[in-house]
N, C-alpha and C. Protein backbone atom coordinates (compact mmCIF):
# COMPACT_ATOMS: atom_id res chain seq x y z
N MET A 1 0.85 -1.18 0.00
CA MET A 1 0.00 0.00 0.00
C MET A 1 0.89 1.24 0.00
N ALA A 2 0.56 2.19 -0.81
CA ALA A 2 1.36 3.41 -0.94
C ALA A 2 1.18 4.28 0.30
N ALA A 3 2.27 4.94 0.67
CA ALA A 3 2.23 5.85 1.81
C ALA A 3 1.38 7.07 1.44
N PRO A 4 0.62 7.60 2.37
CA PRO A 4 -0.19 8.78 2.05
C PRO A 4 0.70 9.97 1.77
N ARG A 5 0.24 10.83 0.88
CA ARG A 5 0.98 12.04 0.54
C ARG A 5 0.87 13.04 1.66
N ARG A 6 1.88 13.90 1.73
CA ARG A 6 1.82 14.98 2.72
C ARG A 6 0.71 15.96 2.35
N THR A 7 0.22 16.66 3.35
CA THR A 7 -0.82 17.65 3.07
C THR A 7 -0.21 18.83 2.35
N THR A 8 -1.04 19.56 1.62
CA THR A 8 -0.54 20.69 0.85
C THR A 8 -0.03 21.81 1.74
N SER A 9 -0.50 21.89 2.98
CA SER A 9 -0.05 22.97 3.85
C SER A 9 1.41 22.83 4.24
N ARG A 10 1.94 21.61 4.19
CA ARG A 10 3.34 21.40 4.58
C ARG A 10 4.26 21.35 3.37
N ARG A 11 3.72 21.11 2.19
CA ARG A 11 4.54 21.05 0.98
C ARG A 11 4.91 22.42 0.51
N ARG A 12 6.05 22.52 -0.11
CA ARG A 12 6.51 23.77 -0.72
C ARG A 12 6.65 23.52 -2.22
N PRO A 13 6.40 24.54 -3.02
CA PRO A 13 6.57 24.37 -4.47
C PRO A 13 8.04 24.13 -4.83
N THR A 14 8.25 23.36 -5.88
CA THR A 14 9.61 23.21 -6.41
C THR A 14 10.02 24.54 -7.01
N GLU A 15 11.27 24.66 -7.41
CA GLU A 15 11.73 25.93 -7.99
C GLU A 15 10.96 26.25 -9.28
N ALA A 16 10.72 25.23 -10.12
CA ALA A 16 9.96 25.45 -11.36
C ALA A 16 8.53 25.88 -11.06
N GLN A 17 7.90 25.23 -10.09
CA GLN A 17 6.54 25.58 -9.72
C GLN A 17 6.48 27.00 -9.14
N ALA A 18 7.43 27.30 -8.24
CA ALA A 18 7.46 28.63 -7.61
C ALA A 18 7.69 29.72 -8.65
N ALA A 19 8.56 29.46 -9.61
CA ALA A 19 8.84 30.45 -10.66
C ALA A 19 7.57 30.74 -11.45
N TRP A 20 6.81 29.70 -11.77
CA TRP A 20 5.56 29.90 -12.52
C TRP A 20 4.53 30.63 -11.66
N LEU A 21 4.39 30.22 -10.41
CA LEU A 21 3.41 30.84 -9.52
C LEU A 21 3.73 32.30 -9.24
N ARG A 22 5.02 32.65 -9.12
CA ARG A 22 5.41 34.04 -8.84
C ARG A 22 4.94 34.98 -9.94
N ASN A 23 4.79 34.47 -11.15
CA ASN A 23 4.31 35.31 -12.26
C ASN A 23 2.91 35.85 -12.02
N GLY A 24 2.12 35.16 -11.20
CA GLY A 24 0.76 35.60 -10.94
C GLY A 24 0.64 36.66 -9.85
N LEU A 25 1.72 36.89 -9.11
CA LEU A 25 1.66 37.84 -8.00
C LEU A 25 1.33 39.25 -8.45
N ASP A 26 1.84 39.67 -9.60
CA ASP A 26 1.65 41.04 -10.07
C ASP A 26 0.64 41.17 -11.20
N GLN A 27 -0.04 40.09 -11.52
CA GLN A 27 -0.99 40.12 -12.63
C GLN A 27 -2.42 40.34 -12.12
N PRO A 28 -3.24 41.04 -12.88
CA PRO A 28 -4.65 41.22 -12.49
C PRO A 28 -5.33 39.87 -12.30
N GLY A 29 -5.95 39.69 -11.15
CA GLY A 29 -6.64 38.44 -10.87
C GLY A 29 -5.72 37.27 -10.60
N GLY A 30 -4.40 37.52 -10.57
CA GLY A 30 -3.44 36.44 -10.34
C GLY A 30 -3.24 35.55 -11.55
N LYS A 31 -3.52 36.07 -12.76
CA LYS A 31 -3.40 35.28 -13.99
C LYS A 31 -1.99 34.71 -14.13
N LEU A 32 -1.95 33.43 -14.42
CA LEU A 32 -0.67 32.73 -14.61
C LEU A 32 -0.40 32.55 -16.10
N PRO A 33 0.86 32.69 -16.52
CA PRO A 33 1.18 32.65 -17.94
C PRO A 33 1.13 31.23 -18.52
N LEU A 34 0.85 31.17 -19.79
CA LEU A 34 0.90 29.90 -20.52
C LEU A 34 2.31 29.64 -21.04
N PHE A 35 3.09 30.72 -21.17
CA PHE A 35 4.43 30.63 -21.75
C PHE A 35 5.45 31.24 -20.80
N ASP A 36 6.68 30.70 -20.82
CA ASP A 36 7.74 31.25 -19.96
C ASP A 36 8.38 32.46 -20.62
N THR A 37 9.41 33.01 -19.98
CA THR A 37 10.05 34.23 -20.48
C THR A 37 10.77 34.00 -21.81
N ASP A 38 11.05 32.75 -22.16
CA ASP A 38 11.69 32.44 -23.44
C ASP A 38 10.68 32.11 -24.53
N GLY A 39 9.39 32.25 -24.21
CA GLY A 39 8.36 31.97 -25.20
C GLY A 39 7.98 30.50 -25.33
N GLN A 40 8.47 29.66 -24.42
CA GLN A 40 8.16 28.23 -24.46
C GLN A 40 6.95 27.96 -23.57
N ARG A 41 6.14 26.99 -23.97
CA ARG A 41 4.98 26.61 -23.15
C ARG A 41 5.46 26.15 -21.78
N VAL A 42 4.76 26.56 -20.74
CA VAL A 42 5.03 26.04 -19.39
C VAL A 42 4.65 24.57 -19.41
N LYS A 43 5.48 23.73 -18.80
CA LYS A 43 5.22 22.28 -18.82
C LYS A 43 3.89 21.96 -18.17
N ARG A 44 3.13 21.12 -18.83
CA ARG A 44 1.81 20.72 -18.34
C ARG A 44 1.92 20.09 -16.95
N GLN A 45 2.98 19.32 -16.73
CA GLN A 45 3.19 18.67 -15.43
C GLN A 45 3.31 19.71 -14.31
N THR A 46 4.01 20.81 -14.59
CA THR A 46 4.15 21.88 -13.60
C THR A 46 2.79 22.47 -13.28
N ILE A 47 2.01 22.75 -14.30
CA ILE A 47 0.69 23.35 -14.10
C ILE A 47 -0.22 22.38 -13.35
N GLU A 48 -0.27 21.12 -13.77
CA GLU A 48 -1.16 20.15 -13.14
C GLU A 48 -0.79 19.89 -11.69
N SER A 49 0.51 19.87 -11.38
CA SER A 49 0.90 19.64 -9.99
C SER A 49 0.52 20.84 -9.11
N CYS A 50 0.59 22.05 -9.66
CA CYS A 50 0.16 23.23 -8.91
C CYS A 50 -1.36 23.23 -8.71
N LEU A 51 -2.10 22.78 -9.72
CA LEU A 51 -3.55 22.65 -9.59
C LEU A 51 -3.89 21.63 -8.51
N LYS A 52 -3.22 20.49 -8.54
CA LYS A 52 -3.49 19.42 -7.58
C LYS A 52 -3.16 19.85 -6.16
N SER A 53 -2.12 20.67 -6.01
CA SER A 53 -1.71 21.14 -4.68
C SER A 53 -2.56 22.29 -4.18
N GLY A 54 -3.40 22.85 -5.05
CA GLY A 54 -4.27 23.95 -4.65
C GLY A 54 -3.61 25.32 -4.73
N TRP A 55 -2.44 25.41 -5.35
CA TRP A 55 -1.73 26.68 -5.47
C TRP A 55 -2.24 27.49 -6.66
N ALA A 56 -2.90 26.84 -7.58
CA ALA A 56 -3.47 27.48 -8.76
C ALA A 56 -4.84 26.85 -9.00
N GLU A 57 -5.68 27.56 -9.75
CA GLU A 57 -6.98 27.01 -10.11
C GLU A 57 -7.29 27.36 -11.55
N ARG A 58 -8.10 26.51 -12.19
CA ARG A 58 -8.53 26.80 -13.55
C ARG A 58 -9.34 28.08 -13.53
N TRP A 59 -9.04 28.98 -14.47
CA TRP A 59 -9.76 30.24 -14.51
C TRP A 59 -10.95 30.13 -15.46
N PHE A 60 -10.67 29.70 -16.66
CA PHE A 60 -11.75 29.48 -17.62
C PHE A 60 -11.28 28.51 -18.69
N HIS A 61 -12.24 27.96 -19.40
CA HIS A 61 -11.97 27.02 -20.49
C HIS A 61 -11.88 27.81 -21.79
N ASN A 62 -10.82 27.60 -22.53
CA ASN A 62 -10.63 28.28 -23.81
C ASN A 62 -11.12 27.35 -24.92
N PRO A 63 -12.29 27.64 -25.51
CA PRO A 63 -12.83 26.73 -26.53
C PRO A 63 -11.98 26.66 -27.80
N LEU A 64 -11.19 27.70 -28.08
CA LEU A 64 -10.33 27.66 -29.27
C LEU A 64 -9.08 26.82 -29.05
N LYS A 65 -8.63 26.74 -27.81
CA LYS A 65 -7.45 25.95 -27.45
C LYS A 65 -7.78 25.13 -26.20
N PRO A 66 -8.57 24.07 -26.35
CA PRO A 66 -9.02 23.32 -25.17
C PRO A 66 -7.89 22.65 -24.39
N ASP A 67 -6.73 22.47 -25.01
CA ASP A 67 -5.61 21.85 -24.30
C ASP A 67 -4.84 22.86 -23.45
N TRP A 68 -5.13 24.14 -23.58
CA TRP A 68 -4.45 25.17 -22.78
C TRP A 68 -5.13 25.26 -21.42
N LEU A 69 -4.32 25.24 -20.38
CA LEU A 69 -4.83 25.36 -19.02
C LEU A 69 -4.67 26.82 -18.58
N VAL A 70 -5.73 27.59 -18.68
CA VAL A 70 -5.70 28.99 -18.28
C VAL A 70 -6.01 29.02 -16.78
N CYS A 71 -5.01 29.47 -15.99
CA CYS A 71 -5.11 29.38 -14.54
C CYS A 71 -4.81 30.70 -13.87
N ARG A 72 -5.14 30.75 -12.58
CA ARG A 72 -4.79 31.90 -11.75
C ARG A 72 -4.30 31.40 -10.40
N LEU A 73 -3.57 32.26 -9.75
CA LEU A 73 -2.98 31.97 -8.44
C LEU A 73 -4.07 31.98 -7.38
N THR A 74 -4.00 31.05 -6.44
CA THR A 74 -4.96 31.00 -5.33
C THR A 74 -4.33 31.60 -4.08
N ASP A 75 -5.14 31.79 -3.05
CA ASP A 75 -4.61 32.26 -1.77
C ASP A 75 -3.61 31.26 -1.20
N ASN A 76 -3.86 29.96 -1.41
CA ASN A 76 -2.90 28.94 -0.96
C ASN A 76 -1.59 29.06 -1.71
N GLY A 77 -1.67 29.44 -2.99
CA GLY A 77 -0.46 29.65 -3.78
C GLY A 77 0.34 30.83 -3.28
N ARG A 78 -0.36 31.90 -2.93
CA ARG A 78 0.33 33.07 -2.36
C ARG A 78 1.00 32.70 -1.04
N ALA A 79 0.31 31.93 -0.21
CA ALA A 79 0.87 31.52 1.07
C ALA A 79 2.09 30.61 0.88
N ALA A 80 2.04 29.75 -0.13
CA ALA A 80 3.16 28.84 -0.39
C ALA A 80 4.40 29.61 -0.84
N LEU A 81 4.20 30.77 -1.45
CA LEU A 81 5.33 31.58 -1.92
C LEU A 81 5.88 32.50 -0.84
N ALA A 82 5.10 32.71 0.22
CA ALA A 82 5.54 33.62 1.28
C ALA A 82 6.76 33.04 1.99
N PRO A 83 7.74 33.90 2.30
CA PRO A 83 8.91 33.39 3.01
C PRO A 83 8.52 32.89 4.39
N ARG A 84 9.14 31.80 4.77
CA ARG A 84 8.88 31.22 6.09
C ARG A 84 10.11 31.43 6.96
N PRO A 85 9.90 31.65 8.25
CA PRO A 85 11.05 31.82 9.13
C PRO A 85 11.85 30.52 9.24
N ALA A 86 13.13 30.65 9.40
CA ALA A 86 13.99 29.48 9.55
C ALA A 86 13.71 28.81 10.88
N ALA A 87 14.06 27.53 11.01
CA ALA A 87 13.82 26.78 12.23
C ALA A 87 14.46 27.45 13.43
N LYS A 88 15.62 28.04 13.22
CA LYS A 88 16.33 28.72 14.30
C LYS A 88 15.51 29.92 14.81
N GLU A 89 14.90 30.66 13.89
CA GLU A 89 14.08 31.80 14.26
C GLU A 89 12.81 31.35 15.00
N LEU A 90 12.26 30.21 14.59
CA LEU A 90 11.07 29.69 15.25
C LEU A 90 11.38 29.29 16.69
N ALA A 91 12.53 28.66 16.89
CA ALA A 91 12.93 28.24 18.23
C ALA A 91 13.15 29.46 19.14
N GLN A 92 13.69 30.53 18.62
CA GLN A 92 13.92 31.74 19.40
C GLN A 92 12.60 32.42 19.76
N ALA A 93 11.61 32.30 18.91
CA ALA A 93 10.33 32.95 19.13
C ALA A 93 9.56 32.28 20.26
N GLU A 94 9.83 31.01 20.51
CA GLU A 94 9.11 30.27 21.57
C GLU A 94 9.74 30.56 22.86
């Protein structure tokens, strides 16, 4: 039997996921790009893993390009990108 996955509240985005999610911080409505800064499509796996983790959500369905995942950043995504205090700082706070 497979071990249960960690909850999304404890997981952190990978560097690729965080880079994609950060693009939504300054966009109206938190819109996330379909293409990276080099004009290449963002990997579907990156998008789907962010959707599954709750860091992004489908915004709308594009009938002209049904394979495109048009997404926006969620509040959970913003929280996942927020800097967290180091363990040493947490111990000092207690």
